[in-house]
C-alpha atoms as a PDB file:
ATOM      1  CA  MET A   1     135.723 247.201 106.496  1.00  0.00           C
ATOM      2  CA  ARG A   2     133.053 244.127 106.626  1.00  0.00           C
ATOM      3  CA  LEU A   3     133.400 241.078 105.011  1.00  0.00           C
ATOM      4  CA  LEU A   4     130.543 239.052 103.099  1.00  0.00           C
ATOM      5  CA  SER A   5     129.986 235.681 102.923  1.00  0.00           C
ATOM      6  CA  LYS A   6     129.707 233.742  99.204  1.00  0.00           C
ATOM      7  CA  LYS A   7     125.768 233.360 100.601  1.00  0.00           C
ATOM      8  CA  GLN A   8     125.714 237.254 100.893  1.00  0.00           C
ATOM      9  CA  VAL A   9     127.445 238.046  97.851  1.00  0.00           C
ATOM     10  CA  ARG A  10     125.025 235.649  95.791  1.00  0.00           C
ATOM     11  CA  GLU A  11     122.333 237.563  97.075  1.00  0.00           C
ATOM     12  CA  ARG A  12     123.342 240.848  96.763  1.00  0.00           C
ATOM     13  CA  VAL A  13     124.305 240.396  92.553  1.00  0.00           C
ATOM     14  CA  LEU A  14     121.735 237.601  91.565  1.00  0.00           C
ATOM     15  CA  TYR A  15     124.597 235.430  90.234  1.00  0.00           C
ATOM     16  CA  SER A  16     125.146 231.824  90.603  1.00  0.00           C
ATOM     17  CA  PRO A  17     128.892 230.794  92.369  1.00  0.00           C
ATOM     18  CA  ALA A  18     130.012 229.523  89.189  1.00  0.00           C
ATOM     19  CA  HIS A  19     129.146 232.552  87.342  1.00  0.00           C
ATOM     20  CA  ILE A  20     130.831 234.980  90.404  1.00  0.00           C
ATOM     21  CA  ALA A  21     134.119 232.431  89.607  1.00  0.00           C
ATOM     22  CA  ARG A  22     133.890 233.103  86.098  1.00  0.00           C
ATOM     23  CA  LEU A  23     133.767 236.519  86.227  1.00  0.00           C
ATOM     24  CA  GLU A  24     136.632 236.675  89.032  1.00  0.00           C
ATOM     25  CA  ALA A  25     138.651 234.930  86.663  1.00  0.00           C
ATOM     26  CA  ALA A  26     138.215 236.991  84.004  1.00  0.00           C
ATOM     27  CA  GLY A  27     139.195 240.501  86.306  1.00  0.00           C
ATOM     28  CA  SER A  28     135.459 241.575  86.126  1.00  0.00           C
ATOM     29  CA  PHE A  29     134.606 240.924  89.423  1.00  0.00           C
ATOM     30  CA  PRO A  30     136.076 241.881  93.120  1.00  0.00           C
ATOM     31  CA  LYS A  31     138.451 239.108  93.912  1.00  0.00           C
ATOM     32  CA  ARG A  32     137.815 237.105  96.915  1.00  0.00           C
ATOM     33  CA  ILE A  33     139.956 237.079 100.103  1.00  0.00           C
ATOM     34  CA  ARG A  34     140.610 233.389 101.322  1.00  0.00           C
ATOM     35  CA  LEU A  35     140.218 233.647 104.998  1.00  0.00           C
ATOM     36  CA  GLY A  36     140.918 229.781 105.891  1.00  0.00           C
ATOM     37  CA  GLN A  37     140.834 226.582 104.561  1.00  0.00           C
ATOM     38  CA  GLY A  38     137.402 225.766 102.834  1.00  0.00           C
ATOM     39  CA  ARG A  39     136.703 229.738 103.692  1.00  0.00           C
ATOM     40  CA  VAL A  40     136.406 233.015 101.442  1.00  0.00           C
ATOM     41  CA  GLY A  41     134.776 236.647 101.816  1.00  0.00           C
ATOM     42  CA  TRP A  42     134.669 239.883  99.815  1.00  0.00           C
ATOM     43  CA  LEU A  43     134.835 243.062 101.134  1.00  0.00           C
ATOM     44  CA  GLU A  44     131.131 244.960 101.358  1.00  0.00           C
ATOM     45  CA  GLN A  45     132.448 247.935  99.750  1.00  0.00           C
ATOM     46  CA  GLU A  46     134.582 246.555  96.775  1.00  0.00           C
ATOM     47  CA  ILE A  47     130.787 244.748  96.027  1.00  0.00           C
ATOM     48  CA  GLU A  48     129.180 247.832  96.142  1.00  0.00           C
ATOM     49  CA  ASP A  49     131.161 249.666  94.059  1.00  0.00           C
ATOM     50  CA  TRP A  50     130.889 246.748  91.664  1.00  0.00           C
ATOM     51  CA  ILE A  51     127.139 247.251  91.539  1.00  0.00           C
ATOM     52  CA  ALA A  52     127.410 250.972  91.580  1.00  0.00           C
ATOM     53  CA  ALA A  53     129.545 250.806  87.967  1.00  0.00           C
ATOM     54  CA  ARG A  54     126.568 248.037  86.562  1.00  0.00           C
ATOM     55  CA  VAL A  55     124.539 251.199  87.713  1.00  0.00           C
ATOM     56  CA  ALA A  56     126.264 253.787  86.113  1.00  0.00           C
ATOM     57  CA  GLU A  57     126.620 251.851  83.058  1.00  0.00           C
ATOM     58  CA  ARG A  58     122.923 251.405  82.616  1.00  0.00           C
ATOM     59  CA  ASP A  59     122.612 255.026  83.105  1.00  0.00           C
ATOM     60  CA  ASN A  60     124.964 256.406  80.907  1.00  0.00           C
ATOM     61  CA  PRO A  61     125.473 253.919  77.846  1.00  0.00           C
ATOM     62  CA  THR A  62     128.282 254.581  75.274  1.00  0.00           C
ATOM     63  CA  ILE A  63     127.367 254.903  71.618  1.00  0.00           C
ATOM     64  CA  SER A  64     128.928 251.995  70.364  1.00  0.00           C
END
């Protein structure tokens, strides 16, 4: 299991920290893990799965 820093997550998903926090609060992004005072991380596999789901949505759009 590998953890990603906030900087590493930002580099992978290309979102600002504020937008990541909004998505988390809405339940639309993997939740951070509090590692200590002022330090958080995300599970790399959860971030990769989230990205893969975005690709799947792009490749298989649903008809509204």
